[in-house]
């Protein structure tokens, strides 16, 4: 016959009252995690702090910004040079967008544009408008010169610092 094993003979230690309370609290927190489908919970009572987390059971979701679309580069055949990724900008001073918004070439739809390629402009003359948050912001010419190239289309969204016009 085998003798019943008691805590003293097996070497197992009987949990103290405070350990039993902590164990009960941990089990309660684990049950809450399961019921609510949370992955982590933390409780603090006085100097007692318990954090219960479960790993591997809930999928992790990462949100990332969509990648900007890229144009496929043409494949260069033997003896041919690869085409440049972007059209070259003519020499001159770039007028850049001071804000994020939408570019408009004219004050109202159907009216004449503020500038055309080849126009002479004076310092401070409005080159185009950038609409940001329903506010129309005129883009002035930083200096007198000739419009060499308009780099953005009417109604095109632009970023801060994006080149708008080339002046010579």
C-alpha atoms as a PDB file:
ATOM      1  CA  UNK A   1       0.000   0.000   0.000  1.00  0.00           C
ATOM      2  CA  UNK A   2       1.154   3.435  -0.747  1.00  0.00           C
ATOM      3  CA  UNK A   3       1.134   6.125   1.841  1.00  0.00           C
ATOM      4  CA  UNK A   4      -0.673   9.388   1.166  1.00  0.00           C
ATOM      5  CA  UNK A   5       1.724  12.115   0.307  1.00  0.00           C
ATOM      6  CA  UNK A   6       1.411  15.230   2.366  1.00  0.00           C
ATOM      7  CA  UNK A   7       3.057  18.584   1.820  1.00  0.00           C
ATOM      8  CA  UNK A   8       5.763  17.928   4.394  1.00  0.00           C
ATOM      9  CA  UNK A   9       6.879  14.618   2.847  1.00  0.00           C
ATOM     10  CA  UNK A  10       6.784  15.791  -0.802  1.00  0.00           C
ATOM     11  CA  UNK A  11       8.728  18.962  -0.179  1.00  0.00           C
ATOM     12  CA  UNK A  12       5.897  21.097  -1.591  1.00  0.00           C
ATOM     13  CA  UNK A  13       5.321  24.327   0.238  1.00  0.00           C
ATOM     14  CA  UNK A  14       1.799  25.371   1.159  1.00  0.00           C
ATOM     15  CA  UNK A  15       1.106  28.874  -0.233  1.00  0.00           C
ATOM     16  CA  UNK A  16       0.728  31.644   2.321  1.00  0.00           C
ATOM     17  CA  UNK A  17      -2.493  33.613   2.539  1.00  0.00           C
ATOM     18  CA  UNK A  18      -1.031  36.557   0.610  1.00  0.00           C
ATOM     19  CA  UNK A  19       0.330  34.230  -2.093  1.00  0.00           C
ATOM     20  CA  UNK A  20      -3.074  32.547  -2.368  1.00  0.00           C
ATOM     21  CA  UNK A  21      -4.723  35.962  -2.788  1.00  0.00           C
ATOM     22  CA  UNK A  22      -2.194  36.887  -5.500  1.00  0.00           C
ATOM     23  CA  UNK A  23      -2.758  33.557  -7.229  1.00  0.00           C
ATOM     24  CA  UNK A  24      -6.520  34.116  -7.105  1.00  0.00           C
ATOM     25  CA  UNK A  25      -6.078  37.631  -8.476  1.00  0.00           C
ATOM     26  CA  UNK A  26      -3.868  36.348 -11.297  1.00  0.00           C
ATOM     27  CA  UNK A  27      -6.463  33.721 -12.214  1.00  0.00           C
ATOM     28  CA  UNK A  28      -9.198  36.379 -12.175  1.00  0.00           C
ATOM     29  CA  UNK A  29      -7.143  38.637 -14.427  1.00  0.00           C
ATOM     30  CA  UNK A  30      -6.444  35.754 -16.792  1.00  0.00           C
ATOM     31  CA  UNK A  31     -10.179  35.026 -16.964  1.00  0.00           C
ATOM     32  CA  UNK A  32     -10.840  38.700 -17.778  1.00  0.00           C
ATOM     33  CA  UNK A  33      -8.234  38.529 -20.573  1.00  0.00           C
ATOM     34  CA  UNK A  34      -9.966  35.494 -22.015  1.00  0.00           C
ATOM     35  CA  UNK A  35     -13.477  36.964 -21.748  1.00  0.00           C
ATOM     36  CA  UNK A  36     -12.591  40.330 -23.244  1.00  0.00           C
ATOM     37  CA  UNK A  37     -10.089  39.061 -25.820  1.00  0.00           C
ATOM     38  CA  UNK A  38      -7.436  41.428 -24.456  1.00  0.00           C
ATOM     39  CA  UNK A  39      -3.769  40.493 -24.657  1.00  0.00           C
ATOM     40  CA  UNK A  40      -2.530  42.290 -21.555  1.00  0.00           C
ATOM     41  CA  UNK A  41      -3.862  43.642 -18.248  1.00  0.00           C
ATOM     42  CA  UNK A  42      -2.126  45.253 -15.278  1.00  0.00           C
ATOM     43  CA  UNK A  43      -3.404  45.873 -11.734  1.00  0.00           C
ATOM     44  CA  UNK A  44      -1.762  47.792  -8.920  1.00  0.00           C
ATOM     45  CA  UNK A  45      -2.857  47.588  -5.272  1.00  0.00           C
ATOM     46  CA  UNK A  46      -0.596  49.390  -2.837  1.00  0.00           C
ATOM     47  CA  UNK A  47       2.883  47.927  -3.266  1.00  0.00           C
ATOM     48  CA  UNK A  48       1.523  44.888  -5.154  1.00  0.00           C
ATOM     49  CA  UNK A  49       1.650  45.190  -8.939  1.00  0.00           C
ATOM     50  CA  UNK A  50       0.530  42.341 -11.204  1.00  0.00           C
ATOM     51  CA  UNK A  51       0.719  42.291 -15.000  1.00  0.00           C
ATOM     52  CA  UNK A  52      -0.823  39.405 -16.908  1.00  0.00           C
ATOM     53  CA  UNK A  53      -0.239  39.036 -20.632  1.00  0.00           C
ATOM     54  CA  UNK A  54      -0.937  36.308 -23.075  1.00  0.00           C
ATOM     55  CA  UNK A  55       1.163  35.900 -26.150  1.00  0.00           C
ATOM     56  CA  UNK A  56       0.745  34.123 -29.418  1.00  0.00           C
ATOM     57  CA  UNK A  57      -3.019  33.697 -29.233  1.00  0.00           C
ATOM     58  CA  UNK A  58      -4.123  37.025 -30.671  1.00  0.00           C
ATOM     59  CA  UNK A  59      -2.795  38.108 -34.062  1.00  0.00           C
ATOM     60  CA  UNK A  60      -0.737  41.291 -34.109  1.00  0.00           C
ATOM     61  CA  UNK A  61      -1.846  43.915 -36.595  1.00  0.00           C
ATOM     62  CA  UNK A  62       0.579  46.463 -37.970  1.00  0.00           C
ATOM     63  CA  UNK A  63      -0.701  49.526 -39.793  1.00  0.00           C
ATOM     64  CA  UNK A  64       1.626  50.955 -42.397  1.00  0.00           C
ATOM     65  CA  UNK A  65       1.286  53.826 -44.802  1.00  0.00           C
ATOM     66  CA  UNK A  66       0.659  52.705 -48.367  1.00  0.00           C
ATOM     67  CA  UNK A  67       3.731  52.845 -50.537  1.00  0.00           C
ATOM     68  CA  UNK A  68       3.834  55.514 -53.184  1.00  0.00           C
ATOM     69  CA  UNK A  69       3.208  54.065 -56.624  1.00  0.00           C
ATOM     70  CA  UNK A  70       6.324  53.809 -58.689  1.00  0.00           C
ATOM     71  CA  UNK A  71       6.599  53.753 -62.436  1.00  0.00           C
ATOM     72  CA  UNK A  72       8.216  50.666 -63.848  1.00  0.00           C
ATOM     73  CA  UNK A  73      11.561  51.482 -65.381  1.00  0.00           C
ATOM     74  CA  UNK A  74      11.890  50.452 -69.003  1.00  0.00           C
ATOM     75  CA  UNK A  75      14.258  47.594 -69.639  1.00  0.00           C
ATOM     76  CA  UNK A  76      17.352  48.694 -71.550  1.00  0.00           C
ATOM     77  CA  UNK A  77      18.216  46.476 -74.466  1.00  0.00           C
ATOM     78  CA  UNK A  78      21.792  45.876 -75.564  1.00  0.00           C
ATOM     79  CA  UNK A  79      23.262  49.083 -76.962  1.00  0.00           C
ATOM     80  CA  UNK A  80      20.442  51.304 -75.623  1.00  0.00           C
ATOM     81  CA  UNK A  81      20.672  53.682 -72.689  1.00  0.00           C
ATOM     82  CA  UNK A  82      18.035  53.462 -69.971  1.00  0.00           C
ATOM     83  CA  UNK A  83      15.480  56.289 -69.959  1.00  0.00           C
ATOM     84  CA  UNK A  84      15.769  58.773 -67.069  1.00  0.00           C
ATOM     85  CA  UNK A  85      13.329  58.263 -64.179  1.00  0.00           C
ATOM     86  CA  UNK A  86      12.053  61.863 -64.221  1.00  0.00           C
ATOM     87  CA  UNK A  87      12.124  64.523 -66.913  1.00  0.00           C
ATOM     88  CA  UNK A  88      15.011  66.919 -66.378  1.00  0.00           C
ATOM     89  CA  UNK A  89      14.144  70.367 -65.058  1.00  0.00           C
ATOM     90  CA  UNK A  90      15.576  73.232 -67.041  1.00  0.00           C
ATOM     91  CA  UNK A  91      18.210  75.427 -65.421  1.00  0.00           C
ATOM     92  CA  UNK A  92      16.876  78.307 -63.368  1.00  0.00           C
ATOM     93  CA  UNK A  93      15.443  79.111 -59.952  1.00  0.00           C
ATOM     94  CA  UNK A  94      12.795  76.789 -58.591  1.00  0.00           C
ATOM     95  CA  UNK A  95       9.749  78.299 -56.926  1.00  0.00           C
ATOM     96  CA  UNK A  96       8.655  75.735 -54.336  1.00  0.00           C
ATOM     97  CA  UNK A  97       5.338  75.234 -52.596  1.00  0.00           C
ATOM     98  CA  UNK A  98       5.325  76.731 -49.096  1.00  0.00           C
ATOM     99  CA  UNK A  99       2.574  74.314 -48.003  1.00  0.00           C
ATOM    100  CA  UNK A 100       0.618  71.164 -48.712  1.00  0.00           C
ATOM    101  CA  UNK A 101      -2.462  71.781 -50.841  1.00  0.00           C
ATOM    102  CA  UNK A 102      -3.951  71.867 -54.320  1.00  0.00           C
ATOM    103  CA  UNK A 103      -2.507  74.072 -57.067  1.00  0.00           C
ATOM    104  CA  UNK A 104      -4.693  76.274 -59.227  1.00  0.00           C
ATOM    105  CA  UNK A 105      -3.276  78.148 -62.239  1.00  0.00           C
ATOM    106  CA  UNK A 106      -6.079  80.741 -62.377  1.00  0.00           C
ATOM    107  CA  UNK A 107      -8.164  82.763 -59.899  1.00  0.00           C
ATOM    108  CA  UNK A 108     -11.494  81.278 -61.040  1.00  0.00           C
ATOM    109  CA  UNK A 109     -12.374  78.340 -63.280  1.00  0.00           C
ATOM    110  CA  UNK A 110     -12.418  79.396 -66.926  1.00  0.00           C
ATOM    111  CA  UNK A 111     -10.363  82.561 -66.429  1.00  0.00           C
ATOM    112  CA  UNK A 112      -6.889  83.098 -67.867  1.00  0.00           C
ATOM    113  CA  UNK A 113      -3.986  81.494 -65.978  1.00  0.00           C
ATOM    114  CA  UNK A 114      -1.740  83.744 -63.882  1.00  0.00           C
ATOM    115  CA  UNK A 115       1.338  82.741 -65.915  1.00  0.00           C
ATOM    116  CA  UNK A 116       2.356  80.853 -69.053  1.00  0.00           C
ATOM    117  CA  UNK A 117       5.758  79.585 -70.179  1.00  0.00           C
ATOM    118  CA  UNK A 118       7.690  82.538 -71.635  1.00  0.00           C
ATOM    119  CA  UNK A 119       5.883  85.210 -69.552  1.00  0.00           C
ATOM    120  CA  UNK A 120       7.977  87.891 -67.865  1.00  0.00           C
ATOM    121  CA  UNK A 121       7.064  88.190 -64.183  1.00  0.00           C
ATOM    122  CA  UNK A 122       7.798  90.851 -61.595  1.00  0.00           C
ATOM    123  CA  UNK A 123       8.917  90.199 -58.026  1.00  0.00           C
ATOM    124  CA  UNK A 124       5.817  89.570 -55.881  1.00  0.00           C
ATOM    125  CA  UNK A 125       3.552  88.800 -58.864  1.00  0.00           C
ATOM    126  CA  UNK A 126       1.162  85.897 -58.235  1.00  0.00           C
ATOM    127  CA  UNK A 127       2.331  82.794 -60.094  1.00  0.00           C
ATOM    128  CA  UNK A 128      -0.451  80.447 -58.964  1.00  0.00           C
ATOM    129  CA  UNK A 129      -2.643  79.655 -55.966  1.00  0.00           C
ATOM    130  CA  UNK A 130      -2.296  76.793 -53.483  1.00  0.00           C
ATOM    131  CA  UNK A 131      -5.529  75.930 -51.702  1.00  0.00           C
ATOM    132  CA  UNK A 132      -5.005  74.591 -48.193  1.00  0.00           C
ATOM    133  CA  UNK A 133      -7.906  73.939 -45.825  1.00  0.00           C
ATOM    134  CA  UNK A 134     -10.357  75.936 -47.964  1.00  0.00           C
ATOM    135  CA  UNK A 135      -8.003  78.951 -47.964  1.00  0.00           C
ATOM    136  CA  UNK A 136      -6.614  80.273 -51.246  1.00  0.00           C
ATOM    137  CA  UNK A 137      -2.930  81.187 -50.801  1.00  0.00           C
ATOM    138  CA  UNK A 138      -1.269  83.149 -53.623  1.00  0.00           C
ATOM    139  CA  UNK A 139       2.260  82.030 -54.490  1.00  0.00           C
ATOM    140  CA  UNK A 140       4.305  85.149 -55.282  1.00  0.00           C
ATOM    141  CA  UNK A 141       7.331  85.280 -57.529  1.00  0.00           C
ATOM    142  CA  UNK A 142      10.475  85.568 -55.383  1.00  0.00           C
ATOM    143  CA  UNK A 143      12.142  87.733 -58.032  1.00  0.00           C
ATOM    144  CA  UNK A 144      11.666  89.201 -61.492  1.00  0.00           C
ATOM    145  CA  UNK A 145      12.344  86.812 -64.357  1.00  0.00           C
ATOM    146  CA  UNK A 146      10.954  84.718 -67.184  1.00  0.00           C
ATOM    147  CA  UNK A 147       8.804  81.601 -66.660  1.00  0.00           C
ATOM    148  CA  UNK A 148      10.832  78.747 -68.133  1.00  0.00           C
ATOM    149  CA  UNK A 149       8.625  75.859 -67.062  1.00  0.00           C
ATOM    150  CA  UNK A 150       5.461  75.173 -65.058  1.00  0.00           C
ATOM    151  CA  UNK A 151       6.046  71.890 -63.232  1.00  0.00           C
ATOM    152  CA  UNK A 152       2.558  71.164 -61.863  1.00  0.00           C
ATOM    153  CA  UNK A 153      -0.820  70.731 -63.495  1.00  0.00           C
ATOM    154  CA  UNK A 154      -3.900  72.739 -62.597  1.00  0.00           C
ATOM    155  CA  UNK A 155      -5.766  70.986 -59.761  1.00  0.00           C
ATOM    156  CA  UNK A 156      -2.754  68.834 -58.821  1.00  0.00           C
ATOM    157  CA  UNK A 157      -2.094  68.139 -55.126  1.00  0.00           C
ATOM    158  CA  UNK A 158       1.358  69.289 -53.973  1.00  0.00           C
ATOM    159  CA  UNK A 159       3.560  68.690 -50.950  1.00  0.00           C
ATOM    160  CA  UNK A 160       5.545  71.188 -48.918  1.00  0.00           C
ATOM    161  CA  UNK A 161       8.735  72.093 -50.789  1.00  0.00           C
ATOM    162  CA  UNK A 162       7.591  70.588 -54.096  1.00  0.00           C
ATOM    163  CA  UNK A 163       8.866  72.598 -57.117  1.00  0.00           C
ATOM    164  CA  UNK A 164       6.074  74.498 -58.884  1.00  0.00           C
ATOM    165  CA  UNK A 165       7.725  76.813 -61.419  1.00  0.00           C
ATOM    166  CA  UNK A 166      11.180  77.366 -62.939  1.00  0.00           C
ATOM    167  CA  UNK A 167      12.209  81.018 -63.353  1.00  0.00           C
ATOM    168  CA  UNK A 168      15.174  82.215 -65.384  1.00  0.00           C
END
